[in-house]
């Protein structure tokens, strides 16, 4: 993927940066969408698995914008620390995912009061 440079990243953030730097989006073989409700608004997790069994996830907060990105190791997720500092970096990655998987139209129909209503698992 085309990844913006990070400055002064922590050890955890560097691992996430290195993962996305080597990731080829065409290696993604499965996308799973999970949505939930926190009592006030809906949110969505976009989970991806590569042909190498690597997993990563984007958190779509209040179904308005990507708030965080993380790597999965089994059922444990490691999210980017200091999300506000890396907001542009996260948005840049998410833009590439949206474009590649043609999610733009569907994202227009979800909101904090409307959950994801389409298929929740896609295999490529």
N, C-alpha and C. Protein backbone atom coordinates (compact mmCIF):
# COMPACT_ATOMS: atom_id res chain seq x y z
N UNK A 1 0.84 -1.17 0.00
CA UNK A 1 0.00 0.00 0.00
C UNK A 1 0.88 1.23 0.00
N UNK A 2 0.31 2.30 -0.43
CA UNK A 2 0.97 3.59 -0.37
C UNK A 2 0.79 4.12 1.05
N UNK A 3 1.88 4.18 1.82
CA UNK A 3 1.82 4.53 3.22
C UNK A 3 2.58 5.82 3.47
N UNK A 4 1.93 6.76 4.15
CA UNK A 4 2.60 8.00 4.54
C UNK A 4 3.62 7.68 5.63
N UNK A 5 4.68 8.47 5.70
CA UNK A 5 5.69 8.27 6.73
C UNK A 5 5.14 8.64 8.10
N UNK A 6 5.62 7.96 9.13
CA UNK A 6 5.29 8.28 10.51
C UNK A 6 6.51 8.90 11.15
N UNK A 7 6.28 9.84 12.04
CA UNK A 7 7.39 10.43 12.77
C UNK A 7 7.27 10.08 14.25
N UNK A 8 8.41 9.79 14.87
CA UNK A 8 8.47 9.53 16.30
C UNK A 8 7.50 8.44 16.75
N UNK A 9 7.41 7.39 15.97
CA UNK A 9 6.45 6.34 16.32
C UNK A 9 6.98 5.44 17.44
N UNK A 10 6.05 4.91 18.20
CA UNK A 10 6.39 3.97 19.27
C UNK A 10 6.68 2.62 18.63
N UNK A 11 7.12 1.68 19.44
CA UNK A 11 7.41 0.32 18.95
C UNK A 11 6.16 -0.32 18.36
N UNK A 12 5.02 -0.17 19.06
CA UNK A 12 3.76 -0.73 18.58
C UNK A 12 3.32 -0.08 17.27
N UNK A 13 3.41 1.24 17.21
CA UNK A 13 3.02 1.94 15.99
C UNK A 13 3.94 1.58 14.82
N UNK A 14 5.21 1.38 15.10
CA UNK A 14 6.15 1.01 14.05
C UNK A 14 5.78 -0.35 13.45
N UNK A 15 5.33 -1.28 14.28
CA UNK A 15 4.91 -2.60 13.79
C UNK A 15 3.71 -2.45 12.86
N UNK A 16 2.77 -1.58 13.21
CA UNK A 16 1.61 -1.33 12.35
C UNK A 16 2.05 -0.66 11.06
N UNK A 17 2.92 0.34 11.17
CA UNK A 17 3.45 1.03 9.99
C UNK A 17 4.14 0.03 9.05
N UNK A 18 5.00 -0.82 9.58
CA UNK A 18 5.72 -1.79 8.75
C UNK A 18 4.77 -2.79 8.09
N UNK A 19 3.74 -3.20 8.82
CA UNK A 19 2.76 -4.11 8.24
C UNK A 19 2.10 -3.49 7.00
N UNK A 20 1.61 -2.27 7.13
CA UNK A 20 0.92 -1.65 6.01
C UNK A 20 1.87 -1.26 4.88
N UNK A 21 3.11 -1.00 5.22
CA UNK A 21 4.10 -0.66 4.20
C UNK A 21 4.34 -1.86 3.27
N UNK A 22 4.32 -3.08 3.82
CA UNK A 22 4.56 -4.26 2.99
C UNK A 22 3.28 -4.87 2.44
N UNK A 23 2.12 -4.45 2.95
CA UNK A 23 0.84 -5.02 2.52
C UNK A 23 0.53 -4.68 1.07
N UNK A 24 0.13 -5.70 0.34
CA UNK A 24 -0.40 -5.52 -1.01
C UNK A 24 -1.90 -5.75 -0.90
N UNK A 25 -2.69 -4.74 -1.18
CA UNK A 25 -4.13 -4.83 -0.98
C UNK A 25 -4.74 -5.98 -1.78
N UNK A 26 -4.11 -6.34 -2.88
CA UNK A 26 -4.62 -7.47 -3.68
C UNK A 26 -4.40 -8.82 -2.98
N UNK A 27 -3.60 -8.83 -1.90
CA UNK A 27 -3.41 -10.05 -1.11
C UNK A 27 -4.55 -10.29 -0.12
N UNK A 28 -5.44 -9.30 0.04
CA UNK A 28 -6.58 -9.47 0.94
C UNK A 28 -7.55 -10.45 0.29
N UNK A 29 -7.90 -11.48 1.04
CA UNK A 29 -8.77 -12.53 0.52
C UNK A 29 -10.13 -12.58 1.19
N UNK A 30 -10.26 -11.88 2.33
CA UNK A 30 -11.54 -11.94 3.03
C UNK A 30 -11.78 -10.62 3.77
N UNK A 31 -13.02 -10.13 3.68
CA UNK A 31 -13.43 -8.94 4.42
C UNK A 31 -14.68 -9.32 5.22
N UNK A 32 -14.64 -9.05 6.51
CA UNK A 32 -15.78 -9.32 7.38
C UNK A 32 -16.20 -8.01 8.03
N UNK A 33 -17.49 -7.72 8.01
CA UNK A 33 -18.01 -6.49 8.60
C UNK A 33 -18.82 -6.86 9.84
N UNK A 34 -18.50 -6.21 10.94
CA UNK A 34 -19.23 -6.40 12.19
C UNK A 34 -19.71 -5.05 12.67
N UNK A 35 -20.97 -4.96 13.00
CA UNK A 35 -21.46 -3.69 13.53
C UNK A 35 -22.01 -3.89 14.93
N UNK A 36 -22.06 -2.80 15.65
CA UNK A 36 -22.57 -2.85 17.01
C UNK A 36 -23.21 -1.53 17.37
N UNK A 37 -23.73 -1.46 18.58
CA UNK A 37 -24.41 -0.27 19.07
C UNK A 37 -23.97 -0.05 20.50
N UNK A 38 -23.59 1.17 20.82
CA UNK A 38 -23.12 1.46 22.17
C UNK A 38 -24.19 2.08 23.07
N UNK A 39 -25.44 2.01 22.63
CA UNK A 39 -26.54 2.61 23.39
C UNK A 39 -26.92 3.97 22.86
N UNK A 40 -26.01 4.60 22.14
CA UNK A 40 -26.27 5.91 21.56
C UNK A 40 -26.18 5.87 20.04
N UNK A 41 -25.14 5.23 19.53
CA UNK A 41 -24.94 5.21 18.08
C UNK A 41 -24.36 3.88 17.62
N UNK A 42 -24.46 3.63 16.32
CA UNK A 42 -23.89 2.43 15.71
C UNK A 42 -22.43 2.68 15.36
N UNK A 43 -21.67 1.61 15.30
CA UNK A 43 -20.29 1.64 14.85
C UNK A 43 -20.04 0.37 14.04
N UNK A 44 -18.97 0.36 13.27
CA UNK A 44 -18.68 -0.79 12.41
C UNK A 44 -17.20 -1.10 12.44
N UNK A 45 -16.89 -2.40 12.49
CA UNK A 45 -15.52 -2.88 12.34
C UNK A 45 -15.41 -3.50 10.95
N UNK A 46 -14.41 -3.09 10.20
CA UNK A 46 -14.09 -3.70 8.91
C UNK A 46 -12.84 -4.53 9.12
N UNK A 47 -13.00 -5.85 9.10
CA UNK A 47 -11.91 -6.78 9.37
C UNK A 47 -11.45 -7.43 8.07
N UNK A 48 -10.16 -7.51 7.89
CA UNK A 48 -9.58 -8.05 6.66
C UNK A 48 -8.59 -9.15 6.99
N UNK A 49 -8.53 -10.16 6.11
CA UNK A 49 -7.57 -11.26 6.26
C UNK A 49 -6.87 -11.44 4.93
N UNK A 50 -5.54 -11.57 4.98
CA UNK A 50 -4.76 -11.76 3.76
C UNK A 50 -4.58 -13.24 3.46
N UNK A 51 -4.06 -13.52 2.29
CA UNK A 51 -3.80 -14.92 1.92
C UNK A 51 -2.71 -15.54 2.80
N UNK A 52 -1.99 -14.71 3.56
CA UNK A 52 -0.96 -15.19 4.49
C UNK A 52 -1.52 -15.32 5.91
N UNK A 53 -2.85 -15.20 6.06
CA UNK A 53 -3.55 -15.30 7.34
C UNK A 53 -3.27 -14.11 8.27
N UNK A 54 -2.71 -13.03 7.75
CA UNK A 54 -2.53 -11.81 8.54
C UNK A 54 -3.88 -11.10 8.60
N UNK A 55 -4.15 -10.44 9.73
CA UNK A 55 -5.43 -9.78 9.90
C UNK A 55 -5.23 -8.34 10.35
N UNK A 56 -6.09 -7.46 9.82
CA UNK A 56 -6.11 -6.08 10.26
C UNK A 56 -7.54 -5.58 10.27
N UNK A 57 -7.76 -4.51 11.03
CA UNK A 57 -9.13 -4.02 11.22
C UNK A 57 -9.14 -2.49 11.25
N UNK A 58 -10.21 -1.93 10.69
CA UNK A 58 -10.47 -0.49 10.77
C UNK A 58 -11.75 -0.31 11.59
N UNK A 59 -11.75 0.65 12.51
CA UNK A 59 -12.91 0.94 13.35
C UNK A 59 -13.58 2.21 12.84
N UNK A 60 -14.83 2.07 12.38
CA UNK A 60 -15.62 3.18 11.82
C UNK A 60 -16.52 3.71 12.93
N UNK A 61 -16.06 4.71 13.64
CA UNK A 61 -16.72 5.22 14.83
C UNK A 61 -17.99 5.99 14.48
N UNK A 62 -19.09 5.66 15.14
CA UNK A 62 -20.40 6.27 14.93
C UNK A 62 -20.83 6.21 13.46
N UNK A 63 -20.22 5.30 12.72
CA UNK A 63 -20.46 5.16 11.28
C UNK A 63 -20.30 6.48 10.54
N UNK A 64 -19.35 7.29 11.03
CA UNK A 64 -19.07 8.59 10.42
C UNK A 64 -17.67 8.67 9.84
N UNK A 65 -16.69 8.16 10.61
CA UNK A 65 -15.30 8.24 10.13
C UNK A 65 -14.46 7.17 10.79
N UNK A 66 -13.39 6.83 10.12
CA UNK A 66 -12.45 5.85 10.66
C UNK A 66 -11.74 6.49 11.84
N UNK A 67 -11.79 5.79 12.96
CA UNK A 67 -11.20 6.31 14.19
C UNK A 67 -9.87 5.65 14.50
N UNK A 68 -9.73 4.38 14.07
CA UNK A 68 -8.52 3.66 14.43
C UNK A 68 -8.27 2.50 13.46
N UNK A 69 -7.05 2.03 13.48
CA UNK A 69 -6.66 0.87 12.70
C UNK A 69 -5.81 -0.01 13.61
N UNK A 70 -5.93 -1.32 13.41
CA UNK A 70 -5.17 -2.23 14.26
C UNK A 70 -4.83 -3.52 13.55
N UNK A 71 -3.94 -4.26 14.17
CA UNK A 71 -3.56 -5.58 13.69
C UNK A 71 -4.12 -6.61 14.64
N UNK A 72 -4.49 -7.76 14.11
CA UNK A 72 -5.05 -8.82 14.94
C UNK A 72 -4.05 -9.96 15.05
N UNK A 73 -4.00 -10.52 16.25
CA UNK A 73 -3.21 -11.70 16.52
C UNK A 73 -4.13 -12.63 17.29
N UNK A 74 -4.81 -13.52 16.56
CA UNK A 74 -5.85 -14.34 17.18
C UNK A 74 -7.03 -13.46 17.52
N UNK A 75 -7.43 -13.47 18.78
CA UNK A 75 -8.53 -12.62 19.23
C UNK A 75 -8.04 -11.35 19.91
N UNK A 76 -6.75 -11.06 19.82
CA UNK A 76 -6.17 -9.87 20.42
C UNK A 76 -5.87 -8.87 19.31
N UNK A 77 -6.27 -7.61 19.54
CA UNK A 77 -6.04 -6.55 18.56
C UNK A 77 -5.07 -5.53 19.14
N UNK A 78 -4.16 -5.07 18.30
CA UNK A 78 -3.19 -4.04 18.66
C UNK A 78 -3.51 -2.81 17.84
N UNK A 79 -4.05 -1.79 18.50
CA UNK A 79 -4.47 -0.58 17.78
C UNK A 79 -3.38 0.47 17.81
N UNK A 80 -3.41 1.32 16.83
CA UNK A 80 -2.48 2.43 16.72
C UNK A 80 -2.61 3.33 17.94
N UNK A 81 -1.49 3.61 18.60
CA UNK A 81 -1.49 4.54 19.73
C UNK A 81 -1.56 5.97 19.22
N UNK A 82 -2.13 6.85 20.01
CA UNK A 82 -2.18 8.28 19.69
C UNK A 82 -2.86 8.53 18.35
N UNK A 83 -4.11 8.09 18.25
CA UNK A 83 -4.86 8.16 16.99
C UNK A 83 -4.98 9.56 16.45
N UNK A 84 -5.13 10.55 17.32
CA UNK A 84 -5.30 11.94 16.85
C UNK A 84 -4.07 12.40 16.08
N UNK A 85 -2.89 12.02 16.55
CA UNK A 85 -1.65 12.41 15.87
C UNK A 85 -1.58 11.79 14.47
N UNK A 86 -2.10 10.57 14.33
CA UNK A 86 -1.97 9.84 13.07
C UNK A 86 -3.28 9.82 12.27
N UNK A 87 -4.16 10.76 12.53
CA UNK A 87 -5.46 10.78 11.85
C UNK A 87 -5.32 10.83 10.33
N UNK A 88 -4.45 11.67 9.82
CA UNK A 88 -4.25 11.78 8.37
C UNK A 88 -3.69 10.47 7.82
N UNK A 89 -2.79 9.86 8.55
CA UNK A 89 -2.18 8.58 8.15
C UNK A 89 -3.26 7.51 8.04
N UNK A 90 -4.14 7.43 9.05
CA UNK A 90 -5.22 6.45 9.05
C UNK A 90 -6.17 6.70 7.89
N UNK A 91 -6.55 7.95 7.68
CA UNK A 91 -7.48 8.30 6.60
C UNK A 91 -6.88 7.96 5.22
N UNK A 92 -5.58 8.14 5.08
CA UNK A 92 -4.91 7.82 3.82
C UNK A 92 -5.01 6.32 3.52
N UNK A 93 -4.76 5.49 4.53
CA UNK A 93 -4.90 4.05 4.36
C UNK A 93 -6.34 3.67 4.05
N UNK A 94 -7.27 4.19 4.82
CA UNK A 94 -8.69 3.88 4.66
C UNK A 94 -9.17 4.26 3.26
N UNK A 95 -8.74 5.39 2.75
CA UNK A 95 -9.12 5.81 1.40
C UNK A 95 -8.74 4.78 0.35
N UNK A 96 -7.58 4.17 0.50
CA UNK A 96 -7.15 3.13 -0.44
C UNK A 96 -8.00 1.88 -0.32
N UNK A 97 -8.38 1.52 0.91
CA UNK A 97 -9.24 0.35 1.12
C UNK A 97 -10.61 0.60 0.52
N UNK A 98 -11.18 1.76 0.79
CA UNK A 98 -12.51 2.11 0.25
C UNK A 98 -12.51 2.05 -1.27
N UNK A 99 -11.48 2.59 -1.86
CA UNK A 99 -11.38 2.61 -3.33
C UNK A 99 -11.24 1.19 -3.89
N UNK A 100 -10.34 0.42 -3.32
CA UNK A 100 -10.08 -0.92 -3.85
C UNK A 100 -11.29 -1.84 -3.72
N UNK A 101 -11.97 -1.77 -2.58
CA UNK A 101 -13.11 -2.65 -2.35
C UNK A 101 -14.46 -2.01 -2.69
N UNK A 102 -14.41 -0.84 -3.32
CA UNK A 102 -15.60 -0.16 -3.81
C UNK A 102 -16.66 0.01 -2.71
N UNK A 103 -16.24 0.58 -1.58
CA UNK A 103 -17.13 0.74 -0.42
C UNK A 103 -17.80 2.12 -0.35
N UNK A 104 -17.39 3.06 -1.17
CA UNK A 104 -17.85 4.44 -1.05
C UNK A 104 -19.37 4.58 -1.04
N UNK A 105 -20.06 3.93 -1.96
CA UNK A 105 -21.53 4.04 -2.05
C UNK A 105 -22.18 3.47 -0.79
N UNK A 106 -21.75 2.30 -0.36
CA UNK A 106 -22.36 1.68 0.83
C UNK A 106 -22.13 2.52 2.08
N UNK A 107 -20.97 3.15 2.19
CA UNK A 107 -20.69 3.98 3.37
C UNK A 107 -21.63 5.18 3.45
N UNK A 108 -22.17 5.61 2.32
CA UNK A 108 -23.10 6.73 2.31
C UNK A 108 -24.43 6.37 2.97
N UNK A 109 -24.74 5.07 3.07
CA UNK A 109 -26.03 4.64 3.59
C UNK A 109 -25.99 4.15 5.04
N UNK A 110 -24.84 4.26 5.69
CA UNK A 110 -24.80 3.93 7.11
C UNK A 110 -24.54 5.23 7.87
N UNK A 111 -25.03 5.28 9.07
CA UNK A 111 -24.84 6.46 9.91
C UNK A 111 -24.88 6.04 11.37
N UNK A 112 -24.82 7.02 12.25
CA UNK A 112 -24.84 6.68 13.67
C UNK A 112 -26.17 6.05 14.08
N UNK A 113 -27.22 6.23 13.26
CA UNK A 113 -28.53 5.63 13.57
C UNK A 113 -28.89 4.49 12.62
N UNK A 114 -28.04 4.22 11.63
CA UNK A 114 -28.32 3.18 10.64
C UNK A 114 -27.13 2.23 10.54
N UNK A 115 -27.31 0.95 10.87
CA UNK A 115 -26.19 0.00 10.80
C UNK A 115 -25.97 -0.52 9.38
N UNK A 116 -24.87 -1.24 9.21
CA UNK A 116 -24.56 -1.94 7.97
C UNK A 116 -25.63 -3.00 7.74
N UNK A 117 -26.25 -3.04 6.54
CA UNK A 117 -27.36 -3.96 6.29
C UNK A 117 -27.10 -4.94 5.15
N UNK A 118 -25.91 -4.95 4.60
CA UNK A 118 -25.62 -5.84 3.48
C UNK A 118 -24.91 -7.08 3.98
N UNK A 119 -24.41 -7.88 3.04
CA UNK A 119 -23.62 -9.06 3.41
C UNK A 119 -22.53 -8.63 4.40
N UNK A 120 -22.20 -9.53 5.29
CA UNK A 120 -21.17 -9.19 6.28
C UNK A 120 -19.87 -9.94 6.06
N UNK A 121 -19.81 -10.77 5.02
CA UNK A 121 -18.58 -11.50 4.72
C UNK A 121 -18.38 -11.58 3.23
N UNK A 122 -17.19 -11.21 2.79
CA UNK A 122 -16.84 -11.22 1.38
C UNK A 122 -15.53 -11.97 1.21
N UNK A 123 -15.49 -12.88 0.26
CA UNK A 123 -14.27 -13.61 -0.05
C UNK A 123 -13.83 -13.23 -1.46
N UNK A 124 -12.56 -12.94 -1.60
CA UNK A 124 -12.03 -12.50 -2.90
C UNK A 124 -11.08 -13.53 -3.46
